[in-house]
Amino acid sequence: MTSTDEARSLLREFPVVDGHNDLPWALRKQVRYDLAARDIAVRQDAHLHTDIPRLRAGGVGAQYWSVYVPSDLPGAVPATLEQIDCVRQLIARHPADLRAALTAADMEAARAEGRIASLMGAEGGHSIDNSLGTLRGLYELGVRYMTLTHNDNNDWADSATDEPKAGGLSAFGREVVREMNRLGMLVDLSHVAPTTMRAALDTTAAPVIFSHSSARAVCDHPRNVPDDVLERLPANGGVAMVTFVPKFVLQAAVDWTAAADENLRAHGLHHLDTGPEAMKIHEAFEEHNPRPIATVSTVADHLDHMREVAGVDHLGIGGDYDGTAFTPDGLGDVSGYPNLLAELLDRGWSKADLAKLTWQNAVRVLGAAEDVARDLQATRAPSNATIESLDG
């Protein structure tokens, strides 16, 4: 049996829980949520990284769908609600393959049924518009993690890719973390500054996650996790979910991306634009500046390092599919997870290690957040604090 055969066999028992997929935003951008125009029941290779046939081929058993909206988009709250509605429509449209999941028990039930547990994560604290009531509303609608920032600071937390303002978390930001703990919503530290990571770890009563981040020591990009933070995960119980984005995992790609981003801005486009015009400009740039290619091995290097620093009980996978223009060789879409597991098997990872990486750690961390919430709700009322009352 080849390593890939072994990987596929393991995934039948312990499928991948992927921490971050931007399909809902891609559906908004491409077809304004016309799900018939991008029917994920059939392969959508020309348009998307994600569809049900390729999720099945990749051994995906649970997916956190990102209900992301850009931090500079007017009306972040209604736009986030539209993203949630998109996920709900997807689940309703494909009941044989997708099952709504709100708890760790729901994830296990979906696995037993052979369906893909569908969870939601809000990407960026701007999605609550400085309102703890809105945070509670998102939880009631099914959101089970919130990334504290996206690429820009918000009023109470510093982003990894913006100029520091809050010093990590403001007093209101710490209250957001406490209220997330009380609800059972996972605190996601992808995208945040290291100062924010440390402040959140100092504040939280529940395990945290990184829904799609890799190791800063292996690739020096501000979106990755420093070793001193990875070292804190065992005491916290949290999980860091490695991402596949080449500009976060391959140092040569970091440098190339900086030049490519500047080229997009010079053409009057946002550096994160992945639309047709932007991609044509990228392709023209790439003709004269060959793009460094990340591989499955590149991603495995991050996991090897993260296992050494944080331990295998604190690792997961968050590919960021449909949220990136480029992908590593061998991980071109959601069907590629067996290739990563095969590489790790060849590096000596045991099947028990891989079961933790793919399924067990992610299910455990959500269950642990639920346990903390149950205890907190017995002693703590919902917080009605405002940013004005706490931050002045």
Protein backbone atom coordinates (compact mmCIF):
# COMPACT_ATOMS: atom_id res chain seq x y z
CA MET A 1 0.00 0.00 0.00
CA THR A 2 1.41 3.41 -0.94
CA SER A 3 1.50 6.30 1.50
CA THR A 4 -1.33 7.95 -0.43
CA ASP A 5 -3.43 4.79 -0.12
CA GLU A 6 -2.71 4.73 3.63
CA ALA A 7 -3.68 8.39 3.87
CA ARG A 8 -7.00 7.80 2.12
CA SER A 9 -7.70 4.84 4.38
CA LEU A 10 -7.03 6.91 7.49
CA LEU A 11 -9.23 9.75 6.23
CA ARG A 12 -12.16 7.38 5.90
CA GLU A 13 -12.00 6.94 9.69
CA PHE A 14 -10.65 10.34 10.76
CA PRO A 15 -11.54 12.87 8.06
CA VAL A 16 -10.18 16.38 7.88
CA VAL A 17 -11.68 19.17 9.93
CA ASP A 18 -10.62 22.20 7.89
CA GLY A 19 -10.56 25.43 9.88
CA HIS A 20 -11.09 27.96 7.12
CA ASN A 21 -12.65 28.02 3.65
CA ASP A 22 -13.80 31.21 1.90
CA LEU A 23 -16.33 29.62 -0.47
CA PRO A 24 -19.19 31.90 0.74
CA TRP A 25 -17.27 35.05 -0.18
CA ALA A 26 -16.25 33.55 -3.54
CA LEU A 27 -19.94 32.83 -4.22
CA ARG A 28 -20.82 36.41 -3.36
CA LYS A 29 -18.11 37.84 -5.61
CA GLN A 30 -18.65 35.52 -8.56
CA VAL A 31 -22.42 35.01 -8.73
CA ARG A 32 -23.95 37.11 -5.93
CA TYR A 33 -25.08 33.95 -4.13
CA ASP A 34 -26.79 32.41 -7.17
CA LEU A 35 -26.05 28.88 -6.02
CA ALA A 36 -27.45 27.36 -9.22
CA ALA A 37 -24.84 29.28 -11.21
CA ARG A 38 -22.06 27.69 -9.12
CA ASP A 39 -23.63 24.37 -8.24
CA ILE A 40 -21.13 22.72 -5.88
CA ALA A 41 -22.82 19.35 -6.39
CA VAL A 42 -20.66 19.16 -9.54
CA ARG A 43 -17.00 20.02 -10.03
CA GLN A 44 -16.29 23.72 -10.41
CA ASP A 45 -12.60 23.48 -11.28
CA ALA A 46 -12.67 26.53 -13.55
CA HIS A 47 -14.11 28.79 -10.86
CA LEU A 48 -13.53 27.45 -7.34
CA HIS A 49 -11.19 25.40 -5.18
CA THR A 50 -14.21 23.83 -3.46
CA ASP A 51 -17.12 21.61 -4.43
CA ILE A 52 -18.68 18.50 -2.99
CA PRO A 53 -16.98 15.96 -5.30
CA ARG A 54 -13.56 17.36 -4.40
CA LEU A 55 -14.39 17.65 -0.68
CA ARG A 56 -15.26 13.95 -0.82
CA ALA A 57 -12.07 13.11 -2.74
CA GLY A 58 -10.04 15.08 -0.18
CA GLY A 59 -11.47 13.24 2.80
CA VAL A 60 -13.04 16.33 4.36
CA GLY A 61 -15.43 15.47 7.19
CA ALA A 62 -15.99 18.91 8.68
CA GLN A 63 -15.57 22.41 7.31
CA TYR A 64 -15.59 25.76 9.05
CA TRP A 65 -17.06 27.99 6.34
CA SER A 66 -15.73 31.52 6.75
CA VAL A 67 -18.51 34.12 6.88
CA TYR A 68 -15.94 36.79 6.07
CA VAL A 69 -16.54 40.35 4.92
CA PRO A 70 -13.74 42.88 4.25
CA SER A 71 -12.97 45.25 7.10
CA ASP A 72 -13.45 48.27 4.82
CA LEU A 73 -16.87 47.14 3.53
CA PRO A 74 -19.68 49.48 4.65
CA GLY A 75 -22.35 47.61 6.57
CA ALA A 76 -20.23 44.76 7.91
CA VAL A 77 -23.03 43.34 10.07
CA PRO A 78 -25.68 42.87 7.33
CA ALA A 79 -23.00 41.60 4.95
CA THR A 80 -21.97 39.01 7.57
CA LEU A 81 -25.61 37.99 7.91
CA GLU A 82 -25.75 37.49 4.13
CA GLN A 83 -22.69 35.25 4.39
CA ILE A 84 -24.37 33.21 7.13
CA ASP A 85 -27.47 32.96 4.96
CA CYS A 86 -25.32 31.67 2.09
CA VAL A 87 -23.96 28.83 4.26
CA ARG A 88 -27.46 27.96 5.42
CA GLN A 89 -28.66 27.87 1.81
CA LEU A 90 -25.75 25.60 0.85
CA ILE A 91 -26.60 23.17 3.65
CA ALA A 92 -30.31 23.19 2.73
CA ARG A 93 -29.47 22.66 -0.95
CA HIS A 94 -27.18 19.65 -0.32
CA PRO A 95 -28.66 17.73 2.64
CA ALA A 96 -27.21 14.39 1.56
CA ASP A 97 -23.67 15.75 1.81
CA LEU A 98 -23.71 18.67 4.26
CA ARG A 99 -25.02 18.76 7.83
CA ALA A 100 -25.25 21.88 9.98
CA ALA A 101 -23.05 21.50 13.06
CA LEU A 102 -23.10 23.64 16.20
CA THR A 103 -21.31 21.36 18.66
CA ALA A 104 -18.59 18.75 18.89
CA ALA A 105 -21.35 16.15 19.23
CA ASP A 106 -22.87 17.40 15.95
CA MET A 107 -19.49 16.92 14.28
CA GLU A 108 -19.31 13.33 15.47
CA ALA A 109 -22.90 12.70 14.37
CA ALA A 110 -22.13 14.02 10.89
CA ARG A 111 -19.07 11.76 10.69
CA ALA A 112 -21.21 8.75 11.68
CA GLU A 113 -23.70 9.64 8.94
CA GLY A 114 -21.03 10.14 6.30
CA ARG A 115 -21.94 13.80 5.89
CA ILE A 116 -19.67 16.86 6.04
CA ALA A 117 -20.21 18.80 9.25
CA SER A 118 -20.71 22.43 8.29
CA LEU A 119 -19.71 25.02 10.87
CA MET A 120 -19.21 28.78 10.55
CA GLY A 121 -16.45 31.17 11.59
CA ALA A 122 -16.64 34.96 11.40
CA GLU A 123 -13.37 36.42 10.12
CA GLY A 124 -12.70 39.74 11.81
CA GLY A 125 -14.07 41.43 14.91
CA HIS A 126 -15.36 44.28 12.74
CA SER A 127 -18.25 41.88 12.00
CA ILE A 128 -19.81 42.70 15.40
CA ASP A 129 -19.49 46.51 15.02
CA ASN A 130 -18.36 46.92 18.66
CA SER A 131 -21.55 45.28 19.95
CA LEU A 132 -21.63 42.35 22.36
CA GLY A 133 -25.31 41.92 21.54
CA THR A 134 -24.35 41.44 17.90
CA LEU A 135 -21.72 38.90 18.98
CA ARG A 136 -24.44 36.95 20.78
CA GLY A 137 -26.65 37.21 17.70
CA LEU A 138 -23.94 35.69 15.51
CA TYR A 139 -23.56 32.84 17.99
CA GLU A 140 -27.32 32.19 17.92
CA LEU A 141 -27.13 32.02 14.11
CA GLY A 142 -24.47 29.33 14.33
CA VAL A 143 -21.10 31.13 14.28
CA ARG A 144 -18.69 29.07 16.37
CA TYR A 145 -15.49 31.07 16.09
CA MET A 146 -14.55 34.67 15.51
CA THR A 147 -11.16 35.82 14.29
CA LEU A 148 -10.46 38.87 16.45
CA THR A 149 -9.20 40.92 13.48
CA HIS A 150 -8.73 40.58 9.76
CA ASN A 151 -6.00 42.49 7.90
CA ASP A 152 -6.80 45.82 9.58
CA ASN A 153 -7.05 46.79 13.22
CA ASN A 154 -10.50 47.25 14.65
CA ASP A 155 -11.34 49.57 17.53
CA TRP A 156 -10.31 47.04 20.19
CA ALA A 157 -7.69 44.67 18.72
CA ASP A 158 -4.47 44.94 16.72
CA SER A 159 -3.99 43.09 13.45
CA ALA A 160 -0.76 41.41 12.36
CA THR A 161 -0.75 43.50 9.18
CA ASP A 162 -1.56 46.98 10.51
CA GLU A 163 0.16 49.58 12.69
CA PRO A 164 -0.34 48.80 16.41
CA LYS A 165 -3.04 50.86 18.08
CA ALA A 166 -4.64 49.00 20.97
CA GLY A 167 -1.46 47.49 22.39
CA GLY A 168 -2.88 44.04 21.67
CA LEU A 169 -6.38 44.11 23.16
CA SER A 170 -8.14 47.08 24.72
CA ALA A 171 -10.29 46.66 27.82
CA PHE A 172 -13.31 46.17 25.55
CA GLY A 173 -11.33 43.64 23.50
CA ARG A 174 -10.68 41.61 26.64
CA GLU A 175 -14.41 41.77 27.40
CA VAL A 176 -15.12 40.45 23.89
CA VAL A 177 -12.88 37.45 24.66
CA ARG A 178 -14.62 36.86 27.99
CA GLU A 179 -18.05 37.01 26.35
CA MET A 180 -16.92 34.60 23.64
CA ASN A 181 -15.81 32.23 26.41
CA ARG A 182 -19.23 32.57 28.09
CA LEU A 183 -20.99 31.77 24.81
CA GLY A 184 -18.76 28.87 23.77
CA MET A 185 -17.47 30.70 20.69
CA LEU A 186 -13.85 29.88 19.92
CA VAL A 187 -11.38 32.77 20.02
CA ASP A 188 -9.50 32.65 16.70
CA LEU A 189 -6.06 34.28 16.72
CA SER A 190 -5.22 34.02 13.02
CA HIS A 191 -4.61 37.48 11.52
CA VAL A 192 -3.91 39.15 14.88
CA ALA A 193 -0.68 40.74 16.06
CA PRO A 194 1.54 38.73 18.43
CA THR A 195 0.67 41.24 21.17
CA THR A 196 -3.01 40.43 20.58
CA MET A 197 -2.28 36.69 20.67
CA ARG A 198 -0.56 37.05 24.04
CA ALA A 199 -3.24 39.33 25.48
CA ALA A 200 -5.97 36.90 24.38
CA LEU A 201 -4.13 33.96 25.92
CA ASP A 202 -3.76 35.96 29.15
CA THR A 203 -7.51 36.67 29.16
CA THR A 204 -9.24 33.55 27.88
CA ALA A 205 -10.66 30.83 30.09
CA ALA A 206 -11.10 28.50 27.10
CA PRO A 207 -8.78 27.03 24.48
CA VAL A 208 -8.09 29.23 21.46
CA ILE A 209 -7.57 28.33 17.83
CA PHE A 210 -5.59 29.65 14.90
CA SER A 211 -7.97 28.79 12.06
CA HIS A 212 -5.41 29.29 9.27
CA SER A 213 -1.84 30.18 10.30
CA SER A 214 1.58 28.60 9.98
CA ALA A 215 4.92 28.90 11.82
CA ARG A 216 6.75 32.24 11.96
CA ALA A 217 10.06 30.50 12.63
CA VAL A 218 9.81 28.61 9.32
CA CYS A 219 8.51 31.53 7.24
CA ASP A 220 8.89 35.04 8.61
CA HIS A 221 5.52 36.50 7.72
CA PRO A 222 3.44 38.49 10.25
CA ARG A 223 0.43 36.21 9.57
CA ASN A 224 2.25 33.29 11.16
CA VAL A 225 2.56 32.25 14.81
CA PRO A 226 5.74 32.96 16.80
CA ASP A 227 7.26 30.08 18.74
CA ASP A 228 6.64 31.68 22.15
CA VAL A 229 2.90 31.65 21.36
CA LEU A 230 2.98 28.08 20.05
CA GLU A 231 4.69 27.11 23.29
CA ARG A 232 1.67 28.37 25.24
CA LEU A 233 -0.85 26.14 23.46
CA PRO A 234 -0.36 23.04 25.64
CA ALA A 235 -1.27 24.93 28.82
CA ASN A 236 -4.19 26.63 27.05
CA GLY A 237 -5.41 23.50 25.24
CA GLY A 238 -5.66 25.33 21.92
CA VAL A 239 -5.05 24.26 18.33
CA ALA A 240 -2.99 25.92 15.56
CA MET A 241 -4.33 24.96 12.12
CA VAL A 242 -1.61 25.15 9.46
CA THR A 243 -2.50 27.07 6.31
CA PHE A 244 -1.41 26.36 2.75
CA VAL A 245 -1.17 29.92 1.36
CA PRO A 246 2.21 30.08 -0.42
CA LYS A 247 2.97 33.64 0.69
CA PHE A 248 2.62 32.47 4.32
CA VAL A 249 4.59 29.23 4.07
CA LEU A 250 7.47 29.86 1.63
CA GLN A 251 9.92 32.68 2.30
CA ALA A 252 10.70 33.23 -1.38
CA ALA A 253 6.97 33.59 -2.00
CA VAL A 254 6.75 36.24 0.72
CA ASP A 255 9.25 38.38 -1.15
CA TRP A 256 7.65 37.71 -4.56
CA THR A 257 4.20 38.54 -3.22
CA ALA A 258 5.36 41.89 -1.86
CA ALA A 259 6.50 42.85 -5.38
CA ALA A 260 3.34 41.44 -7.00
CA ASP A 261 1.12 43.30 -4.53
CA GLU A 262 2.90 46.55 -5.28
CA ASN A 263 2.36 45.90 -8.99
CA LEU A 264 -1.41 45.50 -8.41
CA ARG A 265 -1.55 48.74 -6.43
CA ALA A 266 0.33 50.50 -9.22
CA HIS A 267 -2.52 49.45 -11.53
CA GLY A 268 -5.08 50.94 -9.14
CA LEU A 269 -6.26 47.62 -7.70
CA HIS A 270 -6.38 46.30 -4.14
CA HIS A 271 -3.51 43.93 -3.42
CA LEU A 272 -5.95 41.18 -2.31
CA ASP A 273 -8.07 41.40 -5.47
CA THR A 274 -8.44 37.99 -7.18
CA GLY A 275 -10.89 39.07 -9.88
CA PRO A 276 -10.29 38.54 -13.62
CA GLU A 277 -8.59 41.90 -14.18
CA ALA A 278 -6.29 41.41 -11.20
CA MET A 279 -5.39 37.89 -12.30
CA LYS A 280 -4.46 39.11 -15.80
CA ILE A 281 -2.14 41.67 -14.22
CA HIS A 282 -0.68 38.93 -11.98
CA GLU A 283 -0.10 36.69 -15.00
CA ALA A 284 1.68 39.45 -16.90
CA PHE A 285 3.86 40.14 -13.86
CA GLU A 286 4.61 36.45 -13.48
CA GLU A 287 5.78 36.14 -17.07
CA HIS A 288 8.73 38.38 -16.22
CA ASN A 289 9.05 37.36 -12.56
CA PRO A 290 8.53 33.61 -12.14
CA ARG A 291 6.52 32.83 -9.05
CA PRO A 292 8.25 30.67 -6.40
CA ILE A 293 6.29 27.44 -6.00
CA ALA A 294 5.37 26.06 -2.59
CA THR A 295 4.82 22.30 -2.36
CA VAL A 296 3.29 19.74 -0.04
CA SER A 297 6.74 19.42 1.52
CA THR A 298 6.77 23.16 2.30
CA VAL A 299 3.57 22.80 4.34
CA ALA A 300 4.86 19.64 6.03
CA ASP A 301 7.96 21.57 7.15
CA HIS A 302 5.66 23.89 9.09
CA LEU A 303 3.80 20.99 10.69
CA ASP A 304 7.06 19.30 11.68
CA HIS A 305 8.17 22.49 13.41
CA MET A 306 4.80 23.18 15.03
CA ARG A 307 4.68 19.60 16.37
CA GLU A 308 8.13 20.05 17.88
CA VAL A 309 7.17 23.33 19.58
CA ALA A 310 3.48 22.89 20.51
CA GLY A 311 3.04 19.10 20.40
CA VAL A 312 0.86 16.97 18.16
CA ASP A 313 -2.20 17.48 20.40
CA HIS A 314 -2.33 21.13 19.37
CA LEU A 315 -2.24 21.00 15.57
CA GLY A 316 -4.87 21.09 12.84
CA ILE A 317 -5.42 22.10 9.22
CA GLY A 318 -6.91 25.30 7.76
CA GLY A 319 -6.23 25.44 4.05
CA ASP A 320 -7.81 28.86 3.24
CA TYR A 321 -9.19 27.55 -0.04
CA ASP A 322 -11.13 30.04 -2.17
CA GLY A 323 -9.47 32.77 -0.14
CA THR A 324 -6.12 32.71 -1.95
CA ALA A 325 -5.11 33.24 -5.57
CA PHE A 326 -2.31 30.67 -5.41
CA THR A 327 -1.89 27.23 -3.86
CA PRO A 328 1.02 24.83 -3.37
CA ASP A 329 1.80 22.08 -5.85
CA GLY A 330 -0.11 19.01 -4.71
CA LEU A 331 -2.56 21.09 -2.68
CA GLY A 332 -4.32 22.86 -5.52
CA ASP A 333 -7.83 22.41 -4.16
CA VAL A 334 -9.77 20.64 -1.41
CA SER A 335 -9.04 17.23 -2.92
CA GLY A 336 -5.36 17.52 -1.96
CA TYR A 337 -5.37 16.66 1.74
CA PRO A 338 -4.37 12.99 1.16
CA ASN A 339 -1.15 14.26 -0.43
CA LEU A 340 -0.24 16.13 2.76
CA LEU A 341 -0.98 13.12 4.94
CA ALA A 342 1.07 10.89 2.64
CA GLU A 343 4.03 13.26 3.01
CA LEU A 344 3.69 13.20 6.79
CA LEU A 345 3.48 9.39 6.81
CA ASP A 346 6.71 9.32 4.80
CA ARG A 347 8.25 11.59 7.45
CA GLY A 348 7.38 9.15 10.21
CA TRP A 349 4.15 10.60 11.57
CA SER A 350 2.07 7.80 13.06
CA LYS A 351 -1.56 7.13 12.21
CA ALA A 352 -2.43 8.19 15.77
CA ASP A 353 -0.64 11.50 15.17
CA LEU A 354 -2.52 12.05 11.93
CA ALA A 355 -5.90 11.23 13.50
CA LYS A 356 -5.25 14.03 15.99
CA LEU A 357 -4.18 16.41 13.22
CA THR A 358 -7.15 15.78 10.97
CA TRP A 359 -10.08 15.20 13.32
CA GLN A 360 -9.56 14.68 17.01
CA ASN A 361 -7.86 17.94 18.03
CA ALA A 362 -10.40 20.17 16.30
CA VAL A 363 -13.37 18.30 17.76
CA ARG A 364 -11.81 18.32 21.22
CA VAL A 365 -11.17 22.08 21.22
CA LEU A 366 -14.78 22.91 20.34
CA GLY A 367 -16.00 20.52 23.02
CA ALA A 368 -13.67 22.14 25.55
CA ALA A 369 -15.04 25.59 24.68
CA GLU A 370 -18.55 24.22 25.26
CA ASP A 371 -17.52 22.89 28.68
CA VAL A 372 -16.06 26.25 29.72
CA ALA A 373 -19.20 28.04 28.52
CA ARG A 374 -21.44 25.72 30.55
CA ASP A 375 -19.50 26.57 33.71
CA LEU A 376 -19.37 30.30 33.00
CA GLN A 377 -23.07 30.57 32.21
CA ALA A 378 -23.82 29.27 35.71
CA THR A 379 -22.05 32.25 37.29
CA ARG A 380 -21.85 35.05 34.69
CA ALA A 381 -24.66 36.99 33.05
CA PRO A 382 -24.41 38.26 29.46
CA SER A 383 -22.17 41.33 29.31
CA ASN A 384 -23.81 44.59 28.29
CA ALA A 385 -20.55 46.54 28.39
CA THR A 386 -19.90 49.05 25.63
CA ILE A 387 -16.66 50.15 24.06
CA GLU A 388 -17.34 53.67 25.34
CA SER A 389 -17.75 52.46 28.92
CA LEU A 390 -14.56 50.37 28.89
CA ASP A 391 -12.24 52.20 26.51
CA GLY A 392 -13.45 55.78 27.00
